Protein backbone atom coordinates (compact mmCIF):
# COMPACT_ATOMS: atom_id res chain seq x y z
CA MET A 1 155.83 125.89 94.27
CA ALA A 2 158.95 127.67 95.53
CA ALA A 3 158.73 130.57 97.95
CA VAL A 4 159.64 133.95 96.49
CA LYS A 5 163.06 134.93 97.75
CA PHE A 6 165.39 137.92 97.37
CA GLU A 7 169.03 137.13 98.14
CA ARG A 8 172.29 139.03 97.84
CA THR A 9 175.39 136.88 98.31
CA SER A 10 178.09 139.54 97.95
CA ALA A 11 178.48 142.55 100.23
CA PRO A 12 176.12 143.66 101.57
CA VAL A 13 174.93 140.09 102.22
CA CYS A 14 171.21 139.89 102.96
CA SER A 15 168.10 137.94 102.04
CA VAL A 16 164.36 137.77 102.57
CA GLU A 17 162.03 134.83 101.89
CA PHE A 18 158.33 135.56 101.92
CA SER A 19 155.92 133.23 103.71
CA ARG A 20 153.22 133.73 101.06
CA ASN A 21 153.86 134.14 97.35
CA PRO A 22 152.67 137.25 95.56
CA THR A 23 150.39 137.61 92.65
CA ILE A 24 152.65 138.46 89.73
CA LYS A 25 150.65 140.77 87.51
CA GLY A 26 150.49 139.28 84.06
CA GLY A 27 151.34 135.79 85.36
CA ASP A 28 154.64 134.71 83.83
CA SER A 29 154.75 137.89 81.78
CA GLY A 30 155.96 141.33 82.73
CA THR A 31 156.41 144.71 81.10
CA ILE A 32 159.29 146.24 79.20
CA GLY A 33 160.32 149.83 78.88
CA TYR A 34 163.15 152.07 77.77
CA LEU A 35 164.97 154.24 80.27
CA GLN A 36 164.46 157.56 78.52
CA PRO A 37 164.67 160.82 80.44
CA LYS A 38 161.96 163.17 79.17
CA ASP A 39 161.42 166.86 79.67
CA ARG A 40 159.48 169.70 78.10
CA SER A 41 161.18 172.92 77.01
CA ASP A 42 159.94 176.37 77.97
CA GLY A 43 158.42 176.54 74.49
CA GLY A 44 156.44 173.33 75.08
CA ASP A 45 158.56 171.01 72.91
CA TRP A 46 159.29 167.52 74.21
CA TYR A 47 162.89 166.43 74.56
CA ILE A 48 163.35 162.69 74.88
CA TYR A 49 166.87 161.42 75.31
CA ASP A 50 167.93 158.22 73.60
CA LYS A 51 170.36 156.51 75.97
CA GLY A 52 170.91 153.64 73.52
CA ILE A 53 169.89 151.13 76.18
CA ASP A 54 168.08 147.88 75.50
CA PRO A 55 164.54 147.76 76.86
CA GLU A 56 164.26 146.82 80.52
CA ASN A 57 162.13 143.98 81.90
CA TYR A 58 159.89 144.62 84.90
CA ARG A 59 157.91 142.34 87.22
CA HIS A 60 155.17 143.64 89.48
CA LEU A 61 154.76 141.59 92.67
CA SER A 62 151.54 142.12 94.60
CA PHE A 63 151.69 140.67 98.11
CA GLU A 64 148.24 140.43 99.71
CA ASN A 65 147.50 139.37 103.27
CA ASN A 66 151.10 138.54 104.21
CA PRO A 67 152.26 138.43 107.83
CA GLU A 68 153.59 141.73 109.11
CA LEU A 69 156.92 139.94 109.68
CA ASP A 70 157.30 139.60 105.87
CA TRP A 71 156.96 143.38 105.56
CA THR A 72 159.44 143.99 108.38
CA ASN A 73 161.96 141.55 106.88
CA PHE A 74 161.55 143.15 103.44
CA LYS A 75 162.22 146.63 104.89
CA THR A 76 165.41 145.30 106.51
CA PHE A 77 166.45 143.78 103.17
CA LEU A 78 165.63 147.04 101.36
CA ALA A 79 167.81 149.01 103.79
CA ALA A 80 170.70 146.57 103.26
CA VAL A 81 170.58 146.86 99.45
CA ILE A 82 170.06 150.63 99.81
CA GLY A 83 166.85 150.71 97.81
CA SER A 84 167.74 150.24 94.14
CA VAL A 85 171.53 150.57 94.55
CA TYR A 86 172.49 146.88 94.76
CA ASN A 87 171.10 144.08 92.66
CA PHE A 88 170.20 140.66 94.04
CA THR A 89 168.96 137.22 93.00
CA PHE A 90 165.18 136.98 92.71
CA THR A 91 163.69 133.48 92.87
CA ASP A 92 160.14 133.35 91.47
CA PRO A 93 157.41 130.87 92.50
CA GLY A 94 158.49 128.51 89.69
CA GLY A 95 162.03 128.32 91.11
CA ASN A 96 163.54 130.39 88.26
CA THR A 97 166.23 132.88 89.29
CA TYR A 98 166.92 136.35 87.93
CA THR A 99 169.21 139.24 88.74
CA ALA A 100 166.95 142.09 89.82
CA ARG A 101 166.65 145.43 91.61
CA VAL A 102 163.75 146.91 93.56
CA TRP A 103 162.73 149.54 91.04
CA ASN A 104 160.06 151.32 93.08
CA ALA A 105 162.20 151.62 96.23
CA ASP A 106 161.38 155.33 96.43
CA ASN A 107 157.62 154.67 96.56
CA ILE A 108 156.41 151.25 97.77
CA PRO A 109 152.67 151.21 98.50
CA TRP A 110 151.61 149.23 101.58
CA ARG A 111 148.58 148.89 103.85
CA TYR A 112 147.30 146.89 106.78
CA VAL A 113 144.63 144.40 105.73
CA ALA A 114 143.99 142.90 109.19
CA THR A 115 145.70 142.72 112.55
CA GLY A 116 149.26 141.61 111.88
CA ARG A 117 148.61 141.25 108.12
CA MET A 118 150.01 143.48 105.38
CA ALA A 119 149.63 144.10 101.66
CA PHE A 120 152.42 145.69 99.63
CA GLU A 121 153.53 146.10 96.01
CA ILE A 122 157.07 145.61 94.72
CA GLU A 123 158.23 146.51 91.23
CA LEU A 124 161.37 144.67 90.16
CA MET A 125 163.63 145.53 87.24
CA ILE A 126 164.99 142.26 85.87
CA GLU A 127 168.59 142.66 84.71
CA SER A 128 169.15 139.09 83.52
């Protein structure tokens, strides 16, 4: 089983390889969704904008009981790719590679689970 890795080979060059693989919710599956801005008018009517975009693929990675160093390295990687700004190559536990972005960069839940051990959740948008 390959280690999960995020790697960007063009500027800004950065990478992170996790010491423990995450649980990928849904196993080899993910979720899809349309990027559709939504808003409600003053009169209470919904306005949903059709951007004409194909549905997006998402993967939810749940890291449990990882060393705190994994969390620190991920935060350094996240700063280098400026949250969701730059895409990168995501290598899953099966060794498959995808072009992805950290989709929940504005709100990544994390917690300490023991001394020097962290849990955190990463939502990736798979571009290809």
